[in-house]
Protein backbone atom coordinates (compact mmCIF):
# COMPACT_ATOMS: atom_id res chain seq x y z
CA MET A 1 169.07 180.18 216.60
CA ALA A 2 172.26 180.50 214.62
CA LYS A 3 174.08 181.98 217.56
CA LYS A 4 172.94 179.18 219.80
CA GLY A 5 174.29 176.58 217.37
CA ARG A 6 177.67 178.21 217.25
CA ARG A 7 177.94 178.15 221.06
CA GLU A 8 177.10 174.45 221.19
CA HIS A 9 179.74 173.67 218.57
CA HIS A 10 182.35 175.61 220.63
CA GLU A 11 181.47 173.72 223.83
CA GLU A 12 182.05 170.36 222.15
CA HIS A 13 185.70 171.27 221.24
CA VAL A 14 188.22 169.06 223.20
CA ASP A 15 190.98 170.93 225.07
CA GLU A 16 194.37 169.24 224.15
CA SER A 17 196.68 171.63 226.00
CA TRP A 18 197.45 168.93 228.59
CA LEU A 19 199.45 167.06 225.96
CA ILE A 20 202.32 169.56 226.14
CA PRO A 21 203.42 168.99 229.79
CA TYR A 22 202.66 165.28 229.40
CA ALA A 23 204.96 165.09 226.39
CA ASP A 24 207.68 166.96 228.28
CA LEU A 25 207.47 164.43 231.11
CA LEU A 26 207.81 161.55 228.67
CA THR A 27 210.83 163.23 227.11
CA LEU A 28 212.59 163.57 230.48
CA LEU A 29 211.84 159.96 231.36
CA LEU A 30 213.22 158.83 228.02
CA ALA A 31 216.42 160.81 228.65
CA LEU A 32 216.73 159.24 232.11
CA PHE A 33 216.40 155.70 230.77
CA ILE A 34 218.99 156.40 228.07
CA VAL A 35 221.43 157.66 230.72
CA LEU A 36 220.89 154.58 232.88
CA PHE A 37 221.35 152.30 229.90
CA ALA A 38 224.52 154.00 228.72
CA SER A 39 226.15 154.36 232.15
CA SER A 40 227.31 150.72 232.24
CA SER A 41 230.14 151.46 229.79
CA VAL A 42 231.45 154.52 227.99
CA ASP A 43 231.95 154.43 224.24
CA ALA A 44 231.49 156.95 221.44
CA LYS A 45 228.04 155.76 220.38
CA LYS A 46 226.51 155.75 223.84
CA PHE A 47 228.15 159.03 224.73
CA GLU A 48 226.59 160.61 221.66
CA GLN A 49 223.19 159.20 222.62
CA ILE A 50 223.48 160.73 226.07
CA MET A 51 224.46 164.12 224.71
CA GLN A 52 221.63 164.12 222.19
CA SER A 53 219.05 163.03 224.74
CA PHE A 54 220.05 165.71 227.21
CA ASN A 55 220.02 168.26 224.45
CA VAL A 56 216.47 167.29 223.51
CA ALA A 57 215.22 167.14 227.06
CA LEU A 58 216.85 170.24 228.44
CA THR A 59 217.57 172.67 225.60
CA GLY A 60 216.11 171.38 222.36
CA GLY A 61 212.37 172.23 222.76
CA VAL A 62 209.28 172.01 224.89
CA GLY A 63 207.79 168.71 223.74
CA VAL A 64 207.79 165.79 221.33
CA LEU A 65 205.21 167.49 219.13
CA GLU A 66 207.78 170.07 218.07
CA GLN A 67 210.42 167.42 217.10
CA PRO A 68 213.54 169.53 217.74
CA ALA A 69 216.80 168.68 216.05
CA PRO A 70 219.60 167.83 218.51
CA VAL A 71 222.97 169.55 218.38
CA PRO A 72 225.55 167.23 216.75
CA VAL A 73 228.32 165.86 218.94
CA ASN A 74 231.98 166.41 218.14
CA THR A 75 233.37 162.91 217.52
CA LYS A 76 236.92 163.97 218.39
CA ASP A 77 235.75 165.14 221.82
CA VAL A 78 234.04 161.82 222.40
CA GLN A 79 237.19 159.92 221.44
CA THR A 80 239.29 162.09 223.73
CA ILE A 81 236.99 161.38 226.67
CA GLN A 82 236.98 157.69 225.83
CA ARG A 83 240.78 157.54 225.74
CA THR A 84 240.94 159.34 229.10
CA VAL A 85 238.52 156.90 230.69
CA THR A 86 240.33 153.89 229.19
CA LYS A 87 243.70 155.20 230.32
CA GLY A 88 242.40 155.76 233.85
CA LYS A 89 240.94 152.26 233.94
CA GLY A 90 244.18 150.75 232.66
CA LYS A 91 246.16 152.61 235.31
CA SER A 92 243.85 151.32 238.03
CA ASP A 93 244.19 147.75 236.74
CA ASN A 94 247.98 148.09 236.71
CA GLN A 95 247.97 149.38 240.28
CA GLU A 96 245.88 146.42 241.39
CA GLU A 97 248.22 144.04 239.58
CA GLU A 98 251.29 145.66 241.14
CA LYS A 99 249.65 145.49 244.56
CA SER A 100 248.91 141.84 244.04
CA GLU A 101 252.52 141.14 243.02
CA GLU A 102 253.78 143.05 246.06
CA GLN A 103 251.47 141.04 248.30
CA LYS A 104 252.78 137.81 246.80
CA LYS A 105 256.36 138.90 247.53
CA PHE A 106 255.45 139.67 251.15
CA GLU A 107 253.78 136.29 251.56
CA ALA A 108 256.76 134.46 250.07
CA ALA A 109 259.21 136.39 252.28
CA TYR A 110 257.08 135.79 255.37
CA GLN A 111 256.89 132.06 254.69
CA LYS A 112 260.65 131.79 254.10
CA GLU A 113 261.33 133.68 257.30
CA THR A 114 258.98 131.39 259.23
CA ASN A 115 260.75 128.33 257.86
CA ASP A 116 264.16 129.78 258.81
CA LEU A 117 263.00 130.49 262.35
CA LYS A 118 261.49 127.02 262.67
CA GLN A 119 264.81 125.53 261.60
CA LEU A 120 266.66 127.61 264.21
CA GLN A 121 264.13 126.58 266.84
CA GLN A 122 264.62 122.92 266.00
CA GLN A 123 268.39 123.24 266.27
CA ILE A 124 268.11 124.90 269.69
CA ASN A 125 265.62 122.27 270.84
CA ASP A 126 267.96 119.49 269.74
CA TYR A 127 270.75 121.08 271.79
CA ILE A 128 268.43 121.37 274.81
CA VAL A 129 267.46 117.70 274.64
CA GLN A 130 271.01 116.54 273.97
CA HIS A 131 272.34 118.39 277.04
CA LYS A 132 269.30 117.57 279.21
CA MET A 133 268.35 121.20 279.75
CA THR A 134 264.59 120.97 279.13
CA ASP A 135 263.87 122.20 282.66
CA ARG A 136 266.01 125.33 282.16
CA LEU A 137 265.55 126.32 278.51
CA GLN A 138 262.45 126.84 276.38
CA THR A 139 261.77 128.09 272.86
CA LYS A 140 258.59 129.60 271.46
CA LEU A 141 257.83 130.80 267.92
CA SER A 142 255.30 133.63 267.60
CA GLU A 143 254.26 136.45 265.27
CA GLU A 144 256.92 138.59 266.92
CA GLY A 145 259.77 136.15 266.45
CA LEU A 146 261.58 133.26 268.13
CA MET A 147 261.87 133.54 271.90
CA ILE A 148 264.59 131.58 273.73
CA THR A 149 264.02 131.65 277.50
CA ILE A 150 266.91 130.69 279.81
CA LEU A 151 266.26 130.38 283.54
CA ASP A 152 268.83 132.17 285.64
CA ASN A 153 270.06 128.97 287.34
CA ALA A 154 271.34 127.83 283.95
CA LEU A 155 273.58 130.89 283.70
CA PHE A 156 274.24 132.58 287.04
CA ALA A 157 274.79 131.90 290.68
CA SER A 158 272.23 133.39 293.06
CA GLY A 159 272.50 137.20 293.25
CA SER A 160 275.29 137.24 290.65
CA ALA A 161 275.53 138.51 287.08
CA THR A 162 278.67 136.56 286.25
CA ILE A 163 277.98 133.76 283.78
CA ARG A 164 279.15 130.39 285.04
CA PRO A 165 281.91 128.70 282.99
CA ASP A 166 279.69 125.77 281.98
CA ALA A 167 277.00 128.22 280.77
CA ARG A 168 279.40 129.94 278.40
CA GLU A 169 279.15 126.94 276.06
CA LEU A 170 275.40 127.45 275.86
CA ALA A 171 275.84 131.10 274.90
CA LYS A 172 278.45 130.21 272.31
CA GLU A 173 276.21 127.52 270.81
CA ILE A 174 273.31 129.96 270.50
CA ALA A 175 275.63 132.52 268.90
CA LYS A 176 276.78 129.95 266.33
CA GLN A 177 273.17 129.13 265.44
CA LEU A 178 272.38 132.84 264.95
CA VAL A 179 275.12 133.43 262.37
CA PRO A 180 273.20 132.18 259.28
CA LEU A 181 270.15 134.24 260.29
CA PRO A 182 271.00 137.97 260.29
CA LYS A 183 268.08 139.26 262.36
CA GLN A 184 267.53 141.89 265.02
CA VAL A 185 268.10 140.26 268.42
CA THR A 186 267.16 141.56 271.86
CA VAL A 187 268.44 140.17 275.17
CA THR A 188 266.28 140.99 278.18
CA GLY A 189 267.00 140.24 281.85
CA HIS A 190 264.25 139.61 284.45
CA THR A 191 264.26 139.01 288.20
CA ASP A 192 261.77 138.00 290.88
CA THR A 193 260.41 140.38 293.52
CA MET A 194 262.96 139.50 296.19
CA PRO A 195 264.76 142.78 296.93
CA ILE A 196 268.48 143.16 296.43
CA ASN A 197 270.60 146.00 297.75
CA THR A 198 274.33 145.46 297.34
CA TYR A 199 277.17 147.69 296.33
CA GLU A 200 277.23 146.14 292.84
CA PHE A 201 273.44 145.84 292.43
CA PRO A 202 271.45 148.47 294.32
CA SER A 203 268.19 147.14 292.81
CA ASN A 204 266.71 144.39 290.67
CA TRP A 205 266.89 146.80 287.73
CA ASP A 206 270.68 146.79 287.98
CA LEU A 207 270.88 143.02 288.39
CA SER A 208 268.60 142.25 285.42
CA THR A 209 270.38 144.74 283.15
CA LYS A 210 273.85 143.46 284.04
CA ARG A 211 272.83 139.84 283.44
CA ALA A 212 271.43 140.69 279.99
CA THR A 213 274.55 142.67 279.10
CA ASN A 214 276.96 139.95 280.23
CA PHE A 215 275.11 137.30 278.26
CA LEU A 216 275.12 139.55 275.19
CA LYS A 217 278.87 140.09 275.47
CA ILE A 218 279.49 136.34 275.24
CA LEU A 219 277.22 136.08 272.20
CA LEU A 220 279.19 138.82 270.47
CA GLU A 221 282.48 137.05 271.04
CA ASN A 222 281.47 135.35 267.82
CA LYS A 223 282.84 137.87 265.32
CA SER A 224 280.57 136.58 262.58
CA LEU A 225 277.63 138.32 264.28
CA ASP A 226 276.79 141.94 263.47
CA ALA A 227 276.82 143.73 266.83
CA SER A 228 274.63 146.56 265.46
CA ARG A 229 271.72 144.12 265.31
CA PHE A 230 271.86 143.30 269.03
CA SER A 231 270.58 145.11 272.09
CA ALA A 232 270.35 144.37 275.83
CA THR A 233 267.97 145.66 278.47
CA GLY A 234 266.83 144.88 282.00
CA LYS A 235 263.22 144.88 283.16
CA GLY A 236 263.73 144.01 286.79
CA GLU A 237 260.81 142.33 288.54
CA TYR A 238 258.06 144.03 286.55
CA HIS A 239 257.30 141.43 283.85
CA PRO A 240 256.70 138.15 285.72
CA VAL A 241 255.54 135.00 283.96
CA ALA A 242 254.55 133.24 287.18
CA THR A 243 253.57 134.04 290.74
CA ASN A 244 256.20 135.43 293.07
CA ALA A 245 254.43 133.89 296.07
CA THR A 246 256.19 130.51 295.70
CA PRO A 247 259.82 129.48 295.20
CA GLU A 248 258.88 127.68 291.98
CA GLY A 249 257.19 130.79 290.58
CA ARG A 250 260.09 133.05 291.51
CA ALA A 251 262.51 130.64 289.82
CA LYS A 252 260.55 130.99 286.56
CA ASN A 253 260.59 134.78 286.81
CA ARG A 254 264.38 134.91 287.15
CA ARG A 255 265.31 134.51 283.52
CA VAL A 256 267.06 135.86 280.44
CA GLU A 257 265.02 136.11 277.24
CA LEU A 258 266.65 136.18 273.83
CA MET A 259 264.25 137.26 271.07
CA VAL A 260 265.10 136.79 267.39
CA LEU A 261 262.81 139.35 265.81
CA ARG A 262 260.99 138.87 262.53
CA ASP A 263 261.52 141.18 259.59
CA PHE A 264 257.85 140.60 258.69
CA THR A 265 255.32 140.75 261.52
CA ASP A 266 252.39 139.58 259.34
CA LEU A 267 251.50 138.77 255.73
CA HIS A 268 251.14 142.42 254.75
CA GLN A 269 253.72 144.68 256.30
CA PRO A 270 257.41 144.49 257.14
CA ALA A 271 258.27 144.72 260.83
CA LYS A 272 259.34 148.06 262.17
CA LYS A 273 263.11 148.15 262.45
CA THR A 274 264.67 149.02 265.77
CA ASN A 275 267.91 150.88 266.11
């Protein structure tokens, strides 16, 4: 009977071995929550809490029942890390501030340039109206710059690249208006699709190039202009702005375009310089 009683007492004993892995799980969860809490900002106190928690969870023991003592944190190391993080943050803030200041400078320069080009456009428009040339000259301000379009009948006789005497005054007036605005300027000649084959102009390429060059030469008679900022080119018949099927359309395609280029093509970047 005694033996039977001892067996019954043994069977009633509660097995508590499950507490050990359960306690380990709680420890890891506690360490995780501490890390999440401390990750919002780095300072010496929170850094020490993180180090201690990881030490407990990963190297300090097997469970909360053993109550391991964490390894102390070196305060100097914490301060060094904190200074490094603070320095990095300060550098980033400074870079953002410098970027913002640079952006403001670009915006101010872009706006000033736009105002200058608008003033030049207004001056050219006033000249056009005053001399009743609205059917032969046009101006257009865009992100690329100020375009001044001159139909060929305002400058040349048919099939000729020689600028008429009365048109020289127009070129000189435009040159005078360009002096206060030292920009890159391109002069481009265009023709219609009507073929030309003379000794002087074997093709429309030759005619358009010669017209652009001759107009540019008169502009540069004004010695106040920097010739290194100017260029001339001919594009023949290959960039029409109207149909070549009608006389009116062909008249629009025969033109010289003078483009005053921007130094800033948008609010962020300076325009690419051309040589």
